[in-house]
Protein backbone atom coordinates (compact mmCIF):
# COMPACT_ATOMS: atom_id res chain seq x y z
CA MET A 1 212.32 55.66 44.63
CA ARG A 2 209.11 54.29 43.24
CA PHE A 3 208.69 52.11 46.36
CA HIS A 4 208.45 55.20 48.56
CA LYS A 5 205.86 56.90 46.35
CA ILE A 6 203.50 53.95 45.96
CA ILE A 7 204.06 51.32 48.65
CA LEU A 8 204.55 53.54 51.73
CA PRO A 9 201.31 55.52 51.19
CA ALA A 10 199.45 52.24 50.62
CA ILE A 11 200.86 50.81 53.86
CA LEU A 12 199.85 53.98 55.71
CA ILE A 13 196.28 53.80 54.34
CA ILE A 14 195.97 50.15 55.36
CA ALA A 15 197.35 50.89 58.86
CA VAL A 16 194.87 53.74 59.41
CA PHE A 17 191.98 51.62 58.15
CA MET A 18 192.91 48.77 60.48
CA ALA A 19 193.37 51.06 63.49
CA THR A 20 190.01 52.77 63.03
CA SER A 21 188.16 49.52 62.49
CA VAL A 22 189.40 48.04 65.79
CA CYS A 23 189.60 51.21 67.87
CA PRO A 24 186.33 53.18 68.14
CA VAL A 25 188.10 56.28 69.53
CA LEU A 26 190.35 56.52 66.46
CA ALA A 27 187.29 56.02 64.27
CA GLY A 28 185.68 59.10 65.86
CA GLU A 29 183.19 57.09 67.89
CA THR A 30 183.14 58.34 71.47
CA GLU A 31 180.15 56.34 72.68
CA SER A 32 180.70 52.81 73.89
CA ALA A 33 178.01 50.23 74.58
CA GLU A 34 174.93 51.71 76.21
CA VAL A 35 175.47 52.29 79.93
CA LYS A 36 172.64 50.82 81.97
CA LYS A 37 174.01 51.22 85.48
CA ALA A 38 176.44 53.44 87.36
CA ALA A 39 177.58 53.64 90.97
CA ALA A 40 179.42 55.94 93.37
CA VAL A 41 181.02 54.87 96.63
CA LEU A 42 180.90 57.74 99.10
CA HIS A 43 183.80 58.28 101.47
CA PRO A 44 183.87 60.71 104.40
CA THR A 45 185.65 64.01 104.03
CA GLN A 46 188.18 64.93 106.71
CA GLY A 47 186.68 64.93 110.21
CA ASN A 48 183.40 63.30 109.12
CA ASN A 49 181.95 59.77 109.23
CA ALA A 50 179.44 59.75 106.37
CA LYS A 51 179.82 56.94 103.86
CA GLY A 52 177.64 54.91 101.56
CA THR A 53 176.70 53.98 98.02
CA VAL A 54 174.69 55.65 95.31
CA TYR A 55 173.38 53.59 92.39
CA PHE A 56 172.10 55.01 89.12
CA SER A 57 170.10 52.82 86.73
CA ARG A 58 168.42 53.48 83.41
CA THR A 59 164.62 53.03 83.55
CA LYS A 60 161.71 54.01 81.30
CA ASN A 61 161.05 56.95 83.69
CA GLY A 62 164.60 58.34 83.55
CA ILE A 63 167.65 57.54 85.63
CA LYS A 64 166.72 55.99 88.98
CA VAL A 65 168.89 57.23 91.84
CA GLU A 66 169.08 55.03 94.91
CA ALA A 67 171.34 55.95 97.83
CA ASP A 68 172.06 54.48 101.24
CA ILE A 69 174.27 56.54 103.53
CA THR A 70 175.39 56.05 107.13
CA GLY A 71 177.33 58.18 109.59
CA LEU A 72 175.34 61.38 109.10
CA SER A 73 173.97 63.60 111.82
CA GLY A 74 170.20 63.21 112.14
CA GLY A 75 168.30 65.59 109.89
CA THR A 76 168.32 66.92 106.36
CA HIS A 77 171.43 67.04 104.13
CA GLY A 78 172.00 68.53 100.68
CA PHE A 79 172.61 65.84 98.07
CA HIS A 80 174.08 66.77 94.69
CA ILE A 81 176.02 65.68 91.64
CA HIS A 82 179.07 67.94 91.27
CA GLU A 83 180.99 68.84 88.14
CA PHE A 84 184.20 66.89 88.80
CA GLY A 85 184.83 63.32 89.82
CA ASP A 86 187.66 64.47 92.07
CA CYS A 87 187.52 63.77 95.80
CA THR A 88 191.21 64.42 96.48
CA ALA A 89 190.73 67.57 98.57
CA ALA A 90 190.29 66.75 102.27
CA ASP A 91 187.11 68.86 102.35
CA GLY A 92 185.71 67.61 99.02
CA THR A 93 186.00 70.99 97.28
CA SER A 94 188.00 69.43 94.43
CA ALA A 95 184.64 68.11 93.13
CA GLY A 96 183.80 71.69 92.10
CA GLY A 97 180.31 73.15 92.04
CA HIS A 98 177.01 71.54 91.17
CA PHE A 99 176.93 69.88 87.75
CA ASN A 100 175.19 72.54 85.64
CA PRO A 101 175.88 72.04 81.91
CA GLU A 102 172.77 74.00 80.88
CA ASN A 103 173.68 77.07 82.98
CA GLN A 104 170.41 77.04 84.95
CA PRO A 105 169.70 78.47 88.42
CA HIS A 106 169.93 76.26 91.50
CA ALA A 107 166.58 74.73 92.48
CA GLY A 108 164.88 71.59 93.75
CA PRO A 109 164.94 68.32 91.84
CA ASP A 110 161.31 68.67 90.69
CA GLN A 111 161.84 72.06 89.06
CA ALA A 112 162.12 72.29 85.26
CA LYS A 113 164.89 74.89 85.46
CA ARG A 114 167.60 73.60 87.77
CA HIS A 115 171.16 72.33 87.79
CA VAL A 116 171.28 68.80 86.40
CA GLY A 117 173.07 67.91 89.65
CA ASP A 118 170.35 69.27 91.94
CA LEU A 119 169.04 66.14 93.68
CA GLY A 120 167.64 68.06 96.66
CA ASN A 121 168.03 66.62 100.14
CA ILE A 122 168.47 63.30 101.86
CA GLU A 123 166.92 62.73 105.29
CA ALA A 124 168.93 60.93 107.99
CA ASP A 125 167.23 59.31 110.97
CA ASN A 126 168.45 59.75 114.56
CA SER A 127 170.94 56.91 114.00
CA GLY A 128 172.49 58.77 111.04
CA ASN A 129 171.13 56.46 108.34
CA ALA A 130 169.56 57.83 105.17
CA HIS A 131 167.89 56.36 102.12
CA TYR A 132 167.08 58.25 98.90
CA GLU A 133 165.19 57.01 95.88
CA ARG A 134 163.75 58.79 92.86
CA ALA A 135 163.71 58.70 89.07
CA ASP A 136 165.18 61.78 87.40
CA THR A 137 164.56 62.75 83.77
CA GLN A 138 167.44 65.26 83.60
CA LEU A 139 170.22 62.78 84.40
CA LYS A 140 172.00 61.14 81.45
CA PHE A 141 174.65 58.45 81.02
CA ASP A 142 175.93 59.71 77.67
CA GLY A 143 176.65 62.80 75.65
CA ARG A 144 177.74 66.22 76.83
CA ASP A 145 175.50 66.10 79.91
CA SER A 146 176.63 62.66 81.11
CA ILE A 147 176.95 62.17 84.87
CA ILE A 148 179.58 59.44 84.39
CA GLY A 149 182.85 60.59 85.93
CA ARG A 150 181.17 63.35 87.98
CA GLY A 151 181.19 63.63 91.77
CA VAL A 152 178.44 62.96 94.31
CA ILE A 153 178.47 65.14 97.41
CA VAL A 154 176.52 64.96 100.66
CA HIS A 155 176.50 68.21 102.64
CA ALA A 156 176.41 68.86 106.38
CA GLY A 157 173.21 70.90 106.22
CA GLU A 158 169.94 71.20 104.40
CA ASP A 159 169.78 72.57 100.86
CA ASP A 160 167.23 75.40 100.97
CA LEU A 161 166.60 74.81 97.22
CA VAL A 162 166.59 78.57 96.63
CA SER A 163 169.92 80.25 97.52
CA GLN A 164 172.25 80.76 94.57
CA PRO A 165 174.43 79.22 93.45
CA SER A 166 174.18 76.08 95.59
CA GLY A 167 171.45 76.11 98.25
CA ASN A 168 173.54 77.09 101.28
CA ALA A 169 173.91 73.45 102.42
CA GLY A 170 177.23 73.92 104.19
CA PRO A 171 180.42 71.86 104.19
CA ARG A 172 180.80 68.58 102.31
CA VAL A 173 180.70 65.51 104.56
CA ALA A 174 181.03 62.78 101.91
CA CYS A 175 182.33 62.52 98.36
CA GLY A 176 182.26 59.82 95.68
CA VAL A 177 182.88 59.46 91.95
CA ILE A 178 180.26 58.08 89.55
CA GLY A 179 181.55 55.20 87.46
CA VAL A 180 180.04 52.68 85.08
CA ALA A 181 178.74 49.66 87.00
CA LYS A 182 178.45 46.06 85.94
CA ASN A 183 175.03 45.45 84.42
């Protein structure tokens, strides 16, 4: 009887201590090593040809976003981070709306009050190739507002940067999920 009252609780305490010292999640630590780079591979939605890569890297000026996309129609296309890293719907709608953890109005990427996911537009040449590059101070790799695990969407049309809630950019032509990249 004494064994159960003294030894079993001691074993339990030791087991919990060992588990929390080797497993950060059990210890209440949700942050892993500092993320320095992330990437999203864009795949075309049904009936479209747009594809490409988007890289995110930590810099002293914020998170640098660098995208190269092919298979677009020539012209301007809305380019956003969406709330879910889910590209399972044929039309990309499973990625949800723009990532907006601060509940701000839709706007351009240079506006102070905007969705975190509002990256503005990407311009495709007549061959359907587009390049985008900018540093963004609202994007984060950690905490509640982290973009890791979110979706990246390219739209068929131009984001007017004004219409609520999402800029009237039309259907989604490409979708990708942001994941941690090898440093």
